[in-house]
């Protein structure tokens, strides 16, 4: 996972924020979804360590030209997870 500090809230030029994660573990899951879809991804961790979760809120970034595809991949993954949860509830 590519990570870099964000001292002033700046985003790398040409990259956009497509999701935020409450901790590093969730950020890693989102990163995996995007990588599986062939989308370049970076995770931007908070500049100061937050003693909650695994370091506080992380931003998930993709190149601007991949924004729509990334958002769709994340939405598809969310819908699939919800469908799996519903099926487990019916069992």
Protein backbone atom coordinates (compact mmCIF):
# COMPACT_ATOMS: atom_id res chain seq x y z
CA UNK A 1 0.00 0.00 0.00
CA UNK A 2 1.44 3.38 -0.98
CA UNK A 3 1.10 5.82 1.89
CA UNK A 4 2.34 9.31 2.46
CA UNK A 5 1.65 11.98 5.07
CA UNK A 6 -0.71 14.83 4.35
CA UNK A 7 0.74 17.72 6.39
CA UNK A 8 -1.54 20.42 5.04
CA UNK A 9 -4.47 18.54 3.56
CA UNK A 10 -2.95 18.80 0.08
CA UNK A 11 -3.70 16.18 -2.55
CA UNK A 12 -1.10 15.08 -5.08
CA UNK A 13 -1.62 16.87 -8.39
CA UNK A 14 -3.84 14.84 -10.71
CA UNK A 15 -5.27 12.62 -7.95
CA UNK A 16 -8.75 12.79 -6.41
CA UNK A 17 -10.25 11.48 -3.20
CA UNK A 18 -12.83 8.76 -3.94
CA UNK A 19 -13.34 7.45 -0.40
CA UNK A 20 -12.37 7.91 3.20
CA UNK A 21 -11.75 5.09 5.63
CA UNK A 22 -11.96 5.27 9.42
CA UNK A 23 -8.70 3.32 9.82
CA UNK A 24 -5.84 1.66 7.96
CA UNK A 25 -7.56 -1.74 7.81
CA UNK A 26 -10.62 -0.43 5.96
CA UNK A 27 -8.36 1.70 3.73
CA UNK A 28 -6.48 -1.47 2.80
CA UNK A 29 -9.75 -3.22 1.85
CA UNK A 30 -10.78 -0.29 -0.36
CA UNK A 31 -7.31 -0.21 -1.89
CA UNK A 32 -7.62 -3.91 -2.69
CA UNK A 33 -10.97 -3.42 -4.42
CA UNK A 34 -9.51 -0.73 -6.64
CA UNK A 35 -6.30 -2.64 -7.39
CA UNK A 36 -8.39 -5.69 -8.32
CA UNK A 37 -10.19 -3.50 -10.84
CA UNK A 38 -6.84 -2.43 -12.31
CA UNK A 39 -7.11 1.12 -10.98
CA UNK A 40 -4.00 2.87 -9.63
CA UNK A 41 -4.58 3.83 -5.98
CA UNK A 42 -2.83 5.60 -3.11
CA UNK A 43 -3.84 5.79 0.53
CA UNK A 44 -3.17 9.05 2.30
CA UNK A 45 -2.87 8.68 6.04
CA UNK A 46 -3.41 11.49 8.56
CA UNK A 47 -0.46 13.75 9.25
CA UNK A 48 -0.67 13.30 13.00
CA UNK A 49 -1.14 9.98 14.71
CA UNK A 50 -4.60 9.64 16.12
CA UNK A 51 -4.83 7.13 18.92
CA UNK A 52 -8.02 5.56 17.61
CA UNK A 53 -8.39 2.70 15.20
CA UNK A 54 -5.21 2.33 13.19
CA UNK A 55 -4.18 5.94 12.88
CA UNK A 56 -7.38 7.83 12.14
CA UNK A 57 -9.14 8.68 8.89
CA UNK A 58 -7.37 7.72 5.67
CA UNK A 59 -8.14 9.10 2.20
CA UNK A 60 -8.27 6.77 -0.78
CA UNK A 61 -7.01 8.51 -3.92
CA UNK A 62 -7.01 7.64 -7.61
CA UNK A 63 -5.84 9.49 -10.72
CA UNK A 64 -8.49 11.94 -11.87
CA UNK A 65 -8.95 10.04 -15.14
CA UNK A 66 -9.94 6.92 -13.15
CA UNK A 67 -12.37 8.64 -10.77
CA UNK A 68 -15.62 7.45 -12.36
CA UNK A 69 -14.37 3.88 -12.79
CA UNK A 70 -13.10 3.84 -9.19
CA UNK A 71 -16.37 5.11 -7.75
CA UNK A 72 -18.25 2.47 -9.73
CA UNK A 73 -15.90 -0.30 -8.54
CA UNK A 74 -16.39 0.77 -4.92
CA UNK A 75 -20.17 0.96 -5.36
CA UNK A 76 -20.24 -2.50 -6.97
CA UNK A 77 -18.21 -3.92 -4.08
CA UNK A 78 -20.54 -2.29 -1.54
CA UNK A 79 -23.62 -3.67 -3.31
CA UNK A 80 -22.07 -7.14 -3.48
CA UNK A 81 -21.25 -7.05 0.24
CA UNK A 82 -24.82 -5.98 1.08
CA UNK A 83 -26.20 -8.77 -1.11
CA UNK A 84 -24.00 -11.31 0.65
CA UNK A 85 -25.18 -10.01 4.04
CA UNK A 86 -28.84 -10.35 2.98
CA UNK A 87 -28.28 -13.90 1.76
CA UNK A 88 -26.61 -14.86 5.03
CA UNK A 89 -29.57 -13.41 6.93
CA UNK A 90 -31.97 -15.60 4.98
CA UNK A 91 -30.08 -18.79 5.85
